[in-house]
Amino acid sequence: MARLQILELPEGADDDRPPFVLVIDEYVPQRYITAGGSEFKAHDPFEGVAKKIGARGVLIFDEPIEIPANETSAGAGGYSVKAQVEGGSSRALARVRGLHSPVDHQGQTICSECSAYDLASRTTDSRPVAYDQCRTLQVLNGPPA
């Protein structure tokens, strides 16, 4: 699946906002089948995208491109840290933990959010995810002791 990244460019004296380039990597072009006798028209799905989003350009690659400025540091247990949670966020963390609460389902403790558990019907809309396998809580809590 294609990834979208931002490559920030050095600011110029006349820039009213930081200049950037949209980088799309791991892109797989689509094939179009035309009806018999019709003329093939080349279609660029990225035509005009740079102008619409205010980018200086769009760079498209079929291979992964790593932009060092976009790399994330590894947090507890080697999990990717996209944003550092700091003071004042205890209510937000409590809400996330509340969403990912343990529920007993057919003799197994599962994560209510990851399993899309419906308390009223006591069913899941997704495959049950064991509570100790909830990736969200693993990232929040760090590695098991």
N, C-alpha and C. Protein backbone atom coordinates (compact mmCIF):
# COMPACT_ATOMS: atom_id res chain seq x y z
N MET A 1 0.83 -1.16 0.00
CA MET A 1 0.00 0.00 0.00
C MET A 1 0.89 1.24 0.00
N ALA A 2 0.52 2.19 -0.78
CA ALA A 2 1.31 3.42 -0.90
C ALA A 2 1.33 4.18 0.42
N ARG A 3 2.47 4.81 0.69
CA ARG A 3 2.62 5.64 1.89
C ARG A 3 2.74 7.10 1.48
N LEU A 4 2.22 7.99 2.30
CA LEU A 4 2.36 9.42 2.08
C LEU A 4 3.32 9.98 3.12
N GLN A 5 4.26 10.79 2.66
CA GLN A 5 5.21 11.43 3.58
C GLN A 5 5.38 12.88 3.15
N ILE A 6 5.83 13.67 4.07
CA ILE A 6 6.12 15.08 3.79
C ILE A 6 7.62 15.30 3.89
N LEU A 7 8.19 15.93 2.89
CA LEU A 7 9.59 16.32 2.90
C LEU A 7 9.62 17.84 2.98
N GLU A 8 10.04 18.34 4.14
CA GLU A 8 10.10 19.78 4.31
C GLU A 8 11.31 20.33 3.57
N LEU A 9 11.13 21.48 2.96
CA LEU A 9 12.19 22.14 2.20
C LEU A 9 12.66 23.38 2.96
N PRO A 10 13.87 23.84 2.66
CA PRO A 10 14.34 25.07 3.32
C PRO A 10 13.44 26.25 2.94
N GLU A 11 13.19 27.11 3.93
CA GLU A 11 12.34 28.27 3.68
C GLU A 11 13.09 29.35 2.94
N GLY A 12 12.38 30.01 2.06
CA GLY A 12 12.93 31.16 1.35
C GLY A 12 12.41 32.44 1.98
N ALA A 13 12.99 33.56 1.61
CA ALA A 13 12.60 34.85 2.19
C ALA A 13 11.16 35.20 1.88
N ASP A 14 10.65 34.77 0.73
CA ASP A 14 9.29 35.14 0.33
C ASP A 14 8.24 34.07 0.63
N ASP A 15 8.61 33.05 1.42
CA ASP A 15 7.67 31.98 1.76
C ASP A 15 6.77 32.43 2.91
N ASP A 16 5.46 32.32 2.71
CA ASP A 16 4.53 32.68 3.78
C ASP A 16 4.20 31.47 4.66
N ARG A 17 4.58 30.28 4.21
CA ARG A 17 4.44 29.06 5.02
C ARG A 17 5.55 28.10 4.63
N PRO A 18 5.89 27.16 5.51
CA PRO A 18 7.00 26.26 5.21
C PRO A 18 6.76 25.46 3.91
N PRO A 19 7.71 25.52 2.98
CA PRO A 19 7.54 24.76 1.74
C PRO A 19 7.78 23.27 1.97
N PHE A 20 7.09 22.45 1.18
CA PHE A 20 7.24 21.00 1.32
C PHE A 20 6.94 20.31 -0.01
N VAL A 21 7.36 19.05 -0.06
CA VAL A 21 7.07 18.19 -1.20
C VAL A 21 6.33 16.97 -0.66
N LEU A 22 5.29 16.54 -1.34
CA LEU A 22 4.59 15.33 -0.98
C LEU A 22 5.35 14.16 -1.59
N VAL A 23 5.71 13.17 -0.77
CA VAL A 23 6.43 11.99 -1.25
C VAL A 23 5.49 10.78 -1.10
N ILE A 24 5.27 10.10 -2.21
CA ILE A 24 4.44 8.89 -2.22
C ILE A 24 5.36 7.75 -2.60
N ASP A 25 5.49 6.78 -1.69
CA ASP A 25 6.33 5.63 -2.01
C ASP A 25 5.52 4.35 -1.94
N GLU A 26 6.11 3.28 -2.40
CA GLU A 26 5.46 1.97 -2.49
C GLU A 26 4.19 2.06 -3.33
N TYR A 27 4.22 2.91 -4.35
CA TYR A 27 3.06 3.13 -5.20
C TYR A 27 3.02 2.08 -6.32
N VAL A 28 1.85 1.53 -6.51
CA VAL A 28 1.64 0.56 -7.59
C VAL A 28 0.65 1.20 -8.56
N PRO A 29 1.09 1.50 -9.79
CA PRO A 29 0.19 2.13 -10.75
C PRO A 29 -1.00 1.23 -11.09
N GLN A 30 -2.13 1.86 -11.35
CA GLN A 30 -3.33 1.13 -11.74
C GLN A 30 -3.31 0.90 -13.25
N ARG A 31 -3.87 -0.22 -13.65
CA ARG A 31 -4.00 -0.50 -15.08
C ARG A 31 -5.43 -0.23 -15.50
N TYR A 32 -5.60 0.36 -16.66
CA TYR A 32 -6.92 0.68 -17.17
C TYR A 32 -7.14 -0.09 -18.46
N ILE A 33 -8.28 -0.72 -18.56
CA ILE A 33 -8.64 -1.46 -19.76
C ILE A 33 -9.64 -0.62 -20.53
N THR A 34 -9.32 -0.35 -21.77
CA THR A 34 -10.23 0.46 -22.58
C THR A 34 -11.11 -0.46 -23.41
N ALA A 35 -12.28 0.04 -23.74
CA ALA A 35 -13.20 -0.72 -24.58
C ALA A 35 -12.64 -0.81 -25.99
N GLY A 36 -12.96 -1.90 -26.67
CA GLY A 36 -12.47 -2.09 -28.03
C GLY A 36 -12.79 -0.91 -28.93
N GLY A 37 -11.80 -0.45 -29.64
CA GLY A 37 -11.98 0.65 -30.57
C GLY A 37 -11.86 2.02 -29.95
N SER A 38 -11.83 2.11 -28.61
CA SER A 38 -11.71 3.43 -28.00
C SER A 38 -10.23 3.80 -27.88
N GLU A 39 -10.00 5.08 -27.87
CA GLU A 39 -8.63 5.58 -27.81
C GLU A 39 -8.16 5.62 -26.35
N PHE A 40 -6.93 5.16 -26.10
CA PHE A 40 -6.38 5.17 -24.75
C PHE A 40 -5.93 6.58 -24.40
N LYS A 41 -6.34 7.04 -23.23
CA LYS A 41 -5.89 8.33 -22.73
C LYS A 41 -5.07 8.09 -21.48
N ALA A 42 -3.89 8.65 -21.44
CA ALA A 42 -3.06 8.52 -20.25
C ALA A 42 -3.74 9.26 -19.11
N HIS A 43 -3.72 8.64 -17.94
CA HIS A 43 -4.36 9.24 -16.76
C HIS A 43 -3.33 9.35 -15.66
N ASP A 44 -3.09 10.55 -15.19
CA ASP A 44 -2.17 10.78 -14.08
C ASP A 44 -3.00 11.07 -12.84
N PRO A 45 -3.10 10.09 -11.91
CA PRO A 45 -3.93 10.31 -10.72
C PRO A 45 -3.42 11.41 -9.81
N PHE A 46 -2.19 11.87 -10.01
CA PHE A 46 -1.61 12.89 -9.13
C PHE A 46 -1.56 14.27 -9.79
N GLU A 47 -2.16 14.37 -10.96
CA GLU A 47 -2.17 15.65 -11.67
C GLU A 47 -2.92 16.69 -10.83
N GLY A 48 -2.29 17.79 -10.56
CA GLY A 48 -2.91 18.88 -9.82
C GLY A 48 -2.90 18.73 -8.30
N VAL A 49 -2.42 17.60 -7.79
CA VAL A 49 -2.43 17.38 -6.34
C VAL A 49 -1.54 18.40 -5.63
N ALA A 50 -0.35 18.63 -6.13
CA ALA A 50 0.57 19.56 -5.48
C ALA A 50 -0.07 20.94 -5.32
N LYS A 51 -0.70 21.42 -6.36
CA LYS A 51 -1.32 22.74 -6.30
C LYS A 51 -2.46 22.76 -5.29
N LYS A 52 -3.26 21.69 -5.25
CA LYS A 52 -4.40 21.64 -4.33
C LYS A 52 -3.98 21.65 -2.87
N ILE A 53 -2.86 21.02 -2.55
CA ILE A 53 -2.43 20.93 -1.14
C ILE A 53 -1.35 21.95 -0.80
N GLY A 54 -0.93 22.74 -1.75
CA GLY A 54 0.08 23.76 -1.48
C GLY A 54 1.50 23.25 -1.46
N ALA A 55 1.74 22.08 -2.05
CA ALA A 55 3.10 21.51 -2.10
C ALA A 55 3.86 22.08 -3.29
N ARG A 56 5.18 22.01 -3.20
CA ARG A 56 6.02 22.45 -4.33
C ARG A 56 6.03 21.40 -5.43
N GLY A 57 5.70 20.16 -5.07
CA GLY A 57 5.68 19.09 -6.05
C GLY A 57 5.29 17.78 -5.40
N VAL A 58 5.16 16.75 -6.23
CA VAL A 58 4.83 15.40 -5.76
C VAL A 58 5.89 14.46 -6.33
N LEU A 59 6.54 13.70 -5.46
CA LEU A 59 7.53 12.71 -5.88
C LEU A 59 6.91 11.33 -5.67
N ILE A 60 6.96 10.48 -6.70
CA ILE A 60 6.31 9.17 -6.64
C ILE A 60 7.36 8.09 -6.91
N PHE A 61 7.40 7.08 -6.00
CA PHE A 61 8.36 5.99 -6.12
C PHE A 61 7.65 4.66 -5.94
N ASP A 62 8.16 3.63 -6.61
CA ASP A 62 7.58 2.31 -6.42
C ASP A 62 8.25 1.55 -5.27
N GLU A 63 9.39 2.04 -4.82
CA GLU A 63 10.12 1.41 -3.71
C GLU A 63 9.98 2.27 -2.46
N PRO A 64 10.23 1.68 -1.28
CA PRO A 64 10.17 2.47 -0.05
C PRO A 64 11.25 3.55 -0.02
N ILE A 65 10.88 4.73 0.40
CA ILE A 65 11.80 5.85 0.55
C ILE A 65 11.75 6.28 2.01
N GLU A 66 12.89 6.30 2.67
CA GLU A 66 12.94 6.71 4.07
C GLU A 66 13.44 8.15 4.14
N ILE A 67 12.68 8.99 4.76
CA ILE A 67 13.06 10.38 4.96
C ILE A 67 13.49 10.50 6.42
N PRO A 68 14.79 10.71 6.67
CA PRO A 68 15.29 10.71 8.05
C PRO A 68 14.52 11.63 8.99
N ALA A 69 14.08 12.78 8.53
CA ALA A 69 13.34 13.70 9.40
C ALA A 69 11.99 13.13 9.82
N ASN A 70 11.49 12.15 9.08
CA ASN A 70 10.18 11.56 9.41
C ASN A 70 10.30 10.30 10.25
N GLU A 71 11.51 9.85 10.53
CA GLU A 71 11.67 8.64 11.31
C GLU A 71 11.20 8.89 12.73
N THR A 72 10.62 7.86 13.32
CA THR A 72 10.15 7.95 14.69
C THR A 72 11.10 7.19 15.58
N SER A 73 11.21 7.62 16.81
CA SER A 73 12.08 6.91 17.74
C SER A 73 11.34 5.74 18.34
N ALA A 74 12.08 4.79 18.80
CA ALA A 74 11.48 3.61 19.43
C ALA A 74 11.22 3.91 20.89
N GLY A 75 10.02 3.57 21.31
CA GLY A 75 9.65 3.77 22.71
C GLY A 75 9.86 2.49 23.49
N ALA A 76 9.13 2.35 24.58
CA ALA A 76 9.24 1.18 25.44
C ALA A 76 8.97 -0.09 24.65
N GLY A 77 9.82 -1.05 24.78
CA GLY A 77 9.63 -2.33 24.12
C GLY A 77 9.90 -2.28 22.63
N GLY A 78 10.45 -1.18 22.13
CA GLY A 78 10.74 -1.08 20.71
C GLY A 78 9.55 -0.65 19.87
N TYR A 79 8.43 -0.30 20.52
CA TYR A 79 7.27 0.16 19.78
C TYR A 79 7.53 1.54 19.22
N SER A 80 6.97 1.84 18.06
CA SER A 80 7.15 3.14 17.43
C SER A 80 6.44 4.21 18.24
N VAL A 81 7.12 5.32 18.45
CA VAL A 81 6.52 6.43 19.18
C VAL A 81 6.29 7.55 18.18
N LYS A 82 5.03 7.82 17.87
CA LYS A 82 4.72 8.88 16.92
C LYS A 82 4.51 10.21 17.62
N ALA A 83 4.06 10.15 18.85
CA ALA A 83 3.86 11.38 19.61
C ALA A 83 4.16 11.09 21.07
N GLN A 84 4.85 11.98 21.69
CA GLN A 84 5.19 11.79 23.10
C GLN A 84 4.02 12.29 23.94
N VAL A 85 3.58 11.45 24.84
CA VAL A 85 2.47 11.82 25.71
C VAL A 85 3.06 12.48 26.94
N GLU A 86 2.64 13.69 27.21
CA GLU A 86 3.19 14.43 28.33
C GLU A 86 2.08 14.77 29.32
N GLY A 87 2.44 15.46 30.41
CA GLY A 87 1.50 15.83 31.45
C GLY A 87 0.24 16.48 30.91
N GLY A 88 -0.86 16.32 31.65
CA GLY A 88 -2.12 16.91 31.23
C GLY A 88 -2.92 15.99 30.33
N SER A 89 -2.39 14.83 30.03
CA SER A 89 -3.09 13.92 29.11
C SER A 89 -3.65 12.71 29.84
N SER A 90 -3.66 12.74 31.17
CA SER A 90 -4.12 11.57 31.92
C SER A 90 -5.58 11.25 31.61
N ARG A 91 -6.42 12.29 31.38
CA ARG A 91 -7.82 12.03 31.02
C ARG A 91 -7.92 11.34 29.67
N ALA A 92 -7.10 11.77 28.72
CA ALA A 92 -7.12 11.15 27.38
C ALA A 92 -6.67 9.70 27.47
N LEU A 93 -5.62 9.44 28.26
CA LEU A 93 -5.15 8.07 28.44
C LEU A 93 -6.21 7.21 29.12
N ALA A 94 -6.90 7.78 30.08
CA ALA A 94 -7.96 7.03 30.77
C ALA A 94 -9.08 6.68 29.79
N ARG A 95 -9.42 7.62 28.87
CA ARG A 95 -10.46 7.34 27.87
C ARG A 95 -10.02 6.22 26.94
N VAL A 96 -8.77 6.23 26.52
CA VAL A 96 -8.26 5.17 25.64
C VAL A 96 -8.28 3.83 26.35
N ARG A 97 -7.80 3.83 27.59
CA ARG A 97 -7.82 2.58 28.36
C ARG A 97 -9.25 2.11 28.60
N GLY A 98 -10.18 3.05 28.79
CA GLY A 98 -11.58 2.69 28.97
C GLY A 98 -12.17 2.03 27.73
N LEU A 99 -11.79 2.53 26.56
CA LEU A 99 -12.24 1.91 25.31
C LEU A 99 -11.71 0.49 25.18
N HIS A 100 -10.47 0.31 25.60
CA HIS A 100 -9.82 -1.00 25.48
C HIS A 100 -9.91 -1.77 26.80
N SER A 101 -11.11 -1.85 27.33
CA SER A 101 -11.31 -2.53 28.62
C SER A 101 -11.50 -4.03 28.44
N PRO A 102 -11.18 -4.81 29.49
CA PRO A 102 -11.33 -6.27 29.39
C PRO A 102 -12.80 -6.68 29.52
N VAL A 103 -13.19 -7.66 28.73
CA VAL A 103 -14.54 -8.20 28.76
C VAL A 103 -14.44 -9.72 28.69
N ASP A 104 -15.27 -10.41 29.49
CA ASP A 104 -15.29 -11.87 29.42
C ASP A 104 -16.20 -12.28 28.27
N HIS A 105 -15.66 -13.02 27.32
CA HIS A 105 -16.42 -13.48 26.15
C HIS A 105 -16.16 -14.97 25.96
N GLN A 106 -17.17 -15.77 26.22
CA GLN A 106 -17.09 -17.22 26.05
C GLN A 106 -15.88 -17.81 26.78
N GLY A 107 -15.67 -17.35 28.02
CA GLY A 107 -14.60 -17.88 28.85
C GLY A 107 -13.23 -17.31 28.58
N GLN A 108 -13.14 -16.32 27.71
CA GLN A 108 -11.86 -15.71 27.38
C GLN A 108 -11.95 -14.21 27.67
N THR A 109 -10.89 -13.64 28.22
CA THR A 109 -10.86 -12.20 28.46
C THR A 109 -10.34 -11.54 27.19
N ILE A 110 -11.21 -10.69 26.59
CA ILE A 110 -10.86 -10.04 25.33
C ILE A 110 -10.88 -8.53 25.49
N CYS A 111 -10.29 -7.83 24.53
CA CYS A 111 -10.32 -6.36 24.48
C CYS A 111 -11.63 -5.95 23.83
N SER A 112 -12.42 -5.16 24.55
CA SER A 112 -13.74 -4.79 24.03
C SER A 112 -13.65 -3.97 22.74
N GLU A 113 -12.71 -3.04 22.64
CA GLU A 113 -12.60 -2.18 21.45
C GLU A 113 -12.02 -2.93 20.25
N CYS A 114 -10.92 -3.62 20.44
CA CYS A 114 -10.28 -4.34 19.32
C CYS A 114 -11.18 -5.44 18.76
N SER A 115 -12.05 -5.98 19.63
CA SER A 115 -12.94 -7.07 19.21
C SER A 115 -14.29 -6.55 18.74
N ALA A 116 -14.50 -5.23 18.80
CA ALA A 116 -15.79 -4.62 18.45
C ALA A 116 -16.91 -5.32 19.21
N TYR A 117 -16.75 -5.40 20.53
CA TYR A 117 -17.68 -6.13 21.39
C TYR A 117 -18.95 -5.33 21.61
N ASP A 118 -20.10 -5.99 21.45
CA ASP A 118 -21.40 -5.38 21.70
C ASP A 118 -21.92 -5.92 23.02
N LEU A 119 -21.93 -5.06 24.03
CA LEU A 119 -22.31 -5.48 25.38
C LEU A 119 -23.75 -5.98 25.44
N ALA A 120 -24.65 -5.33 24.70
CA ALA A 120 -26.06 -5.72 24.74
C ALA A 120 -26.28 -7.14 24.22
N SER A 121 -25.66 -7.46 23.09
CA SER A 121 -25.87 -8.80 22.50
C SER A 121 -24.79 -9.79 22.90
N ARG A 122 -23.76 -9.29 23.61
CA ARG A 122 -22.62 -10.11 24.05
C ARG A 122 -21.96 -10.83 22.86
N THR A 123 -21.81 -10.10 21.75
CA THR A 123 -21.18 -10.65 20.54
C THR A 123 -20.08 -9.71 20.08
N THR A 124 -19.24 -10.21 19.19
CA THR A 124 -18.19 -9.38 18.61
C THR A 124 -18.45 -9.23 17.11
N ASP A 125 -18.13 -8.05 16.59
CA ASP A 125 -18.25 -7.83 15.15
C ASP A 125 -16.96 -8.21 14.44
N SER A 126 -15.91 -8.41 15.21
CA SER A 126 -14.61 -8.78 14.67
C SER A 126 -14.15 -10.05 15.37
N ARG A 127 -13.06 -10.58 14.89
CA ARG A 127 -12.46 -11.73 15.56
C ARG A 127 -12.01 -11.29 16.95
N PRO A 128 -12.36 -12.05 18.00
CA PRO A 128 -11.97 -11.64 19.36
C PRO A 128 -10.45 -11.50 19.51
N VAL A 129 -10.05 -10.41 20.15
CA VAL A 129 -8.63 -10.15 20.41
C VAL A 129 -8.41 -10.33 21.91
N ALA A 130 -7.54 -11.28 22.28
CA ALA A 130 -7.25 -11.50 23.69
C ALA A 130 -6.77 -10.20 24.32
N TYR A 131 -7.21 -9.94 25.55
CA TYR A 131 -6.90 -8.67 26.21
C TYR A 131 -5.40 -8.44 26.31
N ASP A 132 -4.64 -9.49 26.58
CA ASP A 132 -3.19 -9.31 26.70
C ASP A 132 -2.51 -9.13 25.34
N GLN A 133 -3.28 -9.23 24.24
CA GLN A 133 -2.73 -9.02 22.90
C GLN A 133 -3.17 -7.69 22.30
N CYS A 134 -3.85 -6.85 23.07
CA CYS A 134 -4.31 -5.55 22.59
C CYS A 134 -3.08 -4.68 22.30
N ARG A 135 -2.87 -4.36 21.03
CA ARG A 135 -1.69 -3.58 20.62
C ARG A 135 -1.70 -2.17 21.21
N THR A 136 -2.88 -1.59 21.34
CA THR A 136 -2.97 -0.25 21.90
C THR A 136 -2.46 -0.22 23.33
N LEU A 137 -2.93 -1.16 24.14
CA LEU A 137 -2.47 -1.21 25.53
C LEU A 137 -1.01 -1.61 25.64
N GLN A 138 -0.54 -2.45 24.72
CA GLN A 138 0.88 -2.80 24.73
C GLN A 138 1.74 -1.57 24.51
N VAL A 139 1.32 -0.70 23.61
CA VAL A 139 2.08 0.52 23.35
C VAL A 139 2.00 1.46 24.55
N LEU A 140 0.81 1.61 25.13
CA LEU A 140 0.66 2.50 26.28
C LEU A 140 1.41 2.01 27.50
N ASN A 141 1.36 0.71 27.74
CA ASN A 141 1.93 0.15 28.96
C ASN A 141 3.38 -0.30 28.83
N GLY A 142 3.90 -0.39 27.64
CA GLY A 142 5.25 -0.90 27.44
C GLY A 142 5.26 -2.42 27.47
N PRO A 143 6.41 -3.02 27.44
CA PRO A 143 6.50 -4.49 27.38
C PRO A 143 6.04 -5.12 28.69
N PRO A 144 5.51 -6.36 28.62
CA PRO A 144 5.12 -7.05 29.85
C PRO A 144 6.35 -7.32 30.71
N ALA A 145 6.15 -7.32 32.02
CA ALA A 145 7.26 -7.56 32.95
C ALA A 145 7.67 -9.00 32.97
